[in-house]
Amino acid sequence: MSDLQTRFEQAKQDVQALPERPDNDTLLRLYALYKQGSEGDVSGPKPGFFDFVATAKYEAWAKLKGTAQDDARQQYIDLVKKLGS
């Protein structure tokens, strides 16, 4: 496992231990960066209009389309560090 992958996995655990819950925009950003870093570009059909949470998550992830997985991982790590300090 690469150093980046190790730090990414650690950040995934660290996010669970944040002193306070981030606001919804930050949570969406964390979700999107995590999905991009772990799975790559968004896939699957967009959720139905009335599934607001799933649609917001899908759209946040779709905005990162084309971002390299390593870049997304680093951005995720940086954001988790910032939130934890």
C-alpha atoms as a PDB file:
ATOM      1  CA  MET A   1       0.000   0.000   0.000  1.00  0.00           C
ATOM      2  CA  SER A   2       1.370   3.414  -0.923  1.00  0.00           C
ATOM      3  CA  ASP A   3       2.016   6.133   1.646  1.00  0.00           C
ATOM      4  CA  LEU A   4      -0.803   8.199   0.122  1.00  0.00           C
ATOM      5  CA  GLN A   5      -3.222   5.265   0.375  1.00  0.00           C
ATOM      6  CA  THR A   6      -2.193   4.710   4.007  1.00  0.00           C
ATOM      7  CA  ARG A   7      -2.781   8.391   4.864  1.00  0.00           C
ATOM      8  CA  PHE A   8      -6.103   8.280   2.975  1.00  0.00           C
ATOM      9  CA  GLU A   9      -7.253   5.296   5.058  1.00  0.00           C
ATOM     10  CA  GLN A  10      -6.101   7.060   8.240  1.00  0.00           C
ATOM     11  CA  ALA A  11      -8.024  10.212   7.267  1.00  0.00           C
ATOM     12  CA  LYS A  12     -11.110   8.036   6.723  1.00  0.00           C
ATOM     13  CA  GLN A  13     -10.801   6.911  10.364  1.00  0.00           C
ATOM     14  CA  ASP A  14      -9.921  10.402  11.622  1.00  0.00           C
ATOM     15  CA  VAL A  15     -13.077  11.898  10.112  1.00  0.00           C
ATOM     16  CA  GLN A  16     -15.144   9.715  12.463  1.00  0.00           C
ATOM     17  CA  ALA A  17     -13.368  11.273  15.465  1.00  0.00           C
ATOM     18  CA  LEU A  18     -13.756  14.944  14.530  1.00  0.00           C
ATOM     19  CA  PRO A  19     -14.578  17.107  17.559  1.00  0.00           C
ATOM     20  CA  GLU A  20     -17.674  18.550  15.852  1.00  0.00           C
ATOM     21  CA  ARG A  21     -19.833  17.525  12.938  1.00  0.00           C
ATOM     22  CA  PRO A  22     -18.929  19.523   9.818  1.00  0.00           C
ATOM     23  CA  ASP A  23     -21.607  21.563   8.065  1.00  0.00           C
ATOM     24  CA  ASN A  24     -23.528  19.958   5.205  1.00  0.00           C
ATOM     25  CA  ASP A  25     -21.427  21.570   2.448  1.00  0.00           C
ATOM     26  CA  THR A  26     -18.260  20.238   4.055  1.00  0.00           C
ATOM     27  CA  LEU A  27     -19.819  16.803   4.520  1.00  0.00           C
ATOM     28  CA  LEU A  28     -20.707  16.742   0.815  1.00  0.00           C
ATOM     29  CA  ARG A  29     -17.150  17.749  -0.074  1.00  0.00           C
ATOM     30  CA  LEU A  30     -15.742  14.985   2.139  1.00  0.00           C
ATOM     31  CA  TYR A  31     -18.116  12.466   0.578  1.00  0.00           C
ATOM     32  CA  ALA A  32     -17.272  13.500  -2.985  1.00  0.00           C
ATOM     33  CA  LEU A  33     -13.519  13.506  -2.387  1.00  0.00           C
ATOM     34  CA  TYR A  34     -13.703  10.117  -0.693  1.00  0.00           C
ATOM     35  CA  LYS A  35     -15.718   8.590  -3.536  1.00  0.00           C
ATOM     36  CA  GLN A  36     -13.436  10.122  -6.188  1.00  0.00           C
ATOM     37  CA  GLY A  37     -10.348   8.955  -4.291  1.00  0.00           C
ATOM     38  CA  SER A  38     -11.608   5.436  -3.747  1.00  0.00           C
ATOM     39  CA  GLU A  39     -13.668   4.740  -6.886  1.00  0.00           C
ATOM     40  CA  GLY A  40     -12.747   7.350  -9.505  1.00  0.00           C
ATOM     41  CA  ASP A  41     -15.274   9.200 -11.661  1.00  0.00           C
ATOM     42  CA  VAL A  42     -18.955   9.110 -10.772  1.00  0.00           C
ATOM     43  CA  SER A  43     -20.841   6.109 -12.110  1.00  0.00           C
ATOM     44  CA  GLY A  44     -24.391   4.837 -12.223  1.00  0.00           C
ATOM     45  CA  PRO A  45     -27.621   6.680 -12.888  1.00  0.00           C
ATOM     46  CA  LYS A  46     -28.424   9.923 -11.118  1.00  0.00           C
ATOM     47  CA  PRO A  47     -30.869   9.323  -8.237  1.00  0.00           C
ATOM     48  CA  GLY A  48     -34.495  10.371  -8.578  1.00  0.00           C
ATOM     49  CA  PHE A  49     -35.475  13.995  -8.090  1.00  0.00           C
ATOM     50  CA  PHE A  50     -37.185  13.394  -4.741  1.00  0.00           C
ATOM     51  CA  ASP A  51     -34.181  11.653  -3.181  1.00  0.00           C
ATOM     52  CA  PHE A  52     -32.583  14.958  -2.199  1.00  0.00           C
ATOM     53  CA  VAL A  53     -29.673  13.580  -0.153  1.00  0.00           C
ATOM     54  CA  ALA A  54     -28.626  11.019  -2.751  1.00  0.00           C
ATOM     55  CA  THR A  55     -28.961  13.598  -5.531  1.00  0.00           C
ATOM     56  CA  ALA A  56     -26.793  16.107  -3.634  1.00  0.00           C
ATOM     57  CA  LYS A  57     -24.145  13.437  -3.042  1.00  0.00           C
ATOM     58  CA  TYR A  58     -24.216  12.357  -6.688  1.00  0.00           C
ATOM     59  CA  GLU A  59     -23.897  15.943  -7.934  1.00  0.00           C
ATOM     60  CA  ALA A  60     -21.046  16.733  -5.523  1.00  0.00           C
ATOM     61  CA  TRP A  61     -19.168  13.648  -6.741  1.00  0.00           C
ATOM     62  CA  ALA A  62     -19.938  14.441 -10.408  1.00  0.00           C
ATOM     63  CA  LYS A  63     -18.293  17.881 -10.009  1.00  0.00           C
ATOM     64  CA  LEU A  64     -14.973  16.088  -9.426  1.00  0.00           C
ATOM     65  CA  LYS A  65     -15.152  14.112 -12.671  1.00  0.00           C
ATOM     66  CA  GLY A  66     -11.713  13.961 -14.245  1.00  0.00           C
ATOM     67  CA  THR A  67      -9.877  14.580 -10.955  1.00  0.00           C
ATOM     68  CA  ALA A  68      -7.103  12.025 -10.518  1.00  0.00           C
ATOM     69  CA  GLN A  69      -7.725   9.600  -7.666  1.00  0.00           C
ATOM     70  CA  ASP A  70      -4.421  10.538  -6.011  1.00  0.00           C
ATOM     71  CA  ASP A  71      -5.339  14.246  -6.175  1.00  0.00           C
ATOM     72  CA  ALA A  72      -8.736  13.538  -4.621  1.00  0.00           C
ATOM     73  CA  ARG A  73      -7.101  11.455  -1.889  1.00  0.00           C
ATOM     74  CA  GLN A  74      -4.671  14.267  -1.046  1.00  0.00           C
ATOM     75  CA  GLN A  75      -7.465  16.862  -0.978  1.00  0.00           C
ATOM     76  CA  TYR A  76      -9.485  14.578   1.311  1.00  0.00           C
ATOM     77  CA  ILE A  77      -6.504  14.137   3.665  1.00  0.00           C
ATOM     78  CA  ASP A  78      -5.890  17.910   3.722  1.00  0.00           C
ATOM     79  CA  LEU A  79      -9.553  18.691   4.435  1.00  0.00           C
ATOM     80  CA  VAL A  80      -9.764  16.152   7.277  1.00  0.00           C
ATOM     81  CA  LYS A  81      -6.561  17.582   8.797  1.00  0.00           C
ATOM     82  CA  LYS A  82      -7.955  21.121   8.579  1.00  0.00           C
ATOM     83  CA  LEU A  83     -11.222  20.070  10.230  1.00  0.00           C
ATOM     84  CA  GLY A  84      -9.397  18.258  13.020  1.00  0.00           C
ATOM     85  CA  SER A  85      -7.147  21.132  13.982  1.00  0.00           C
END
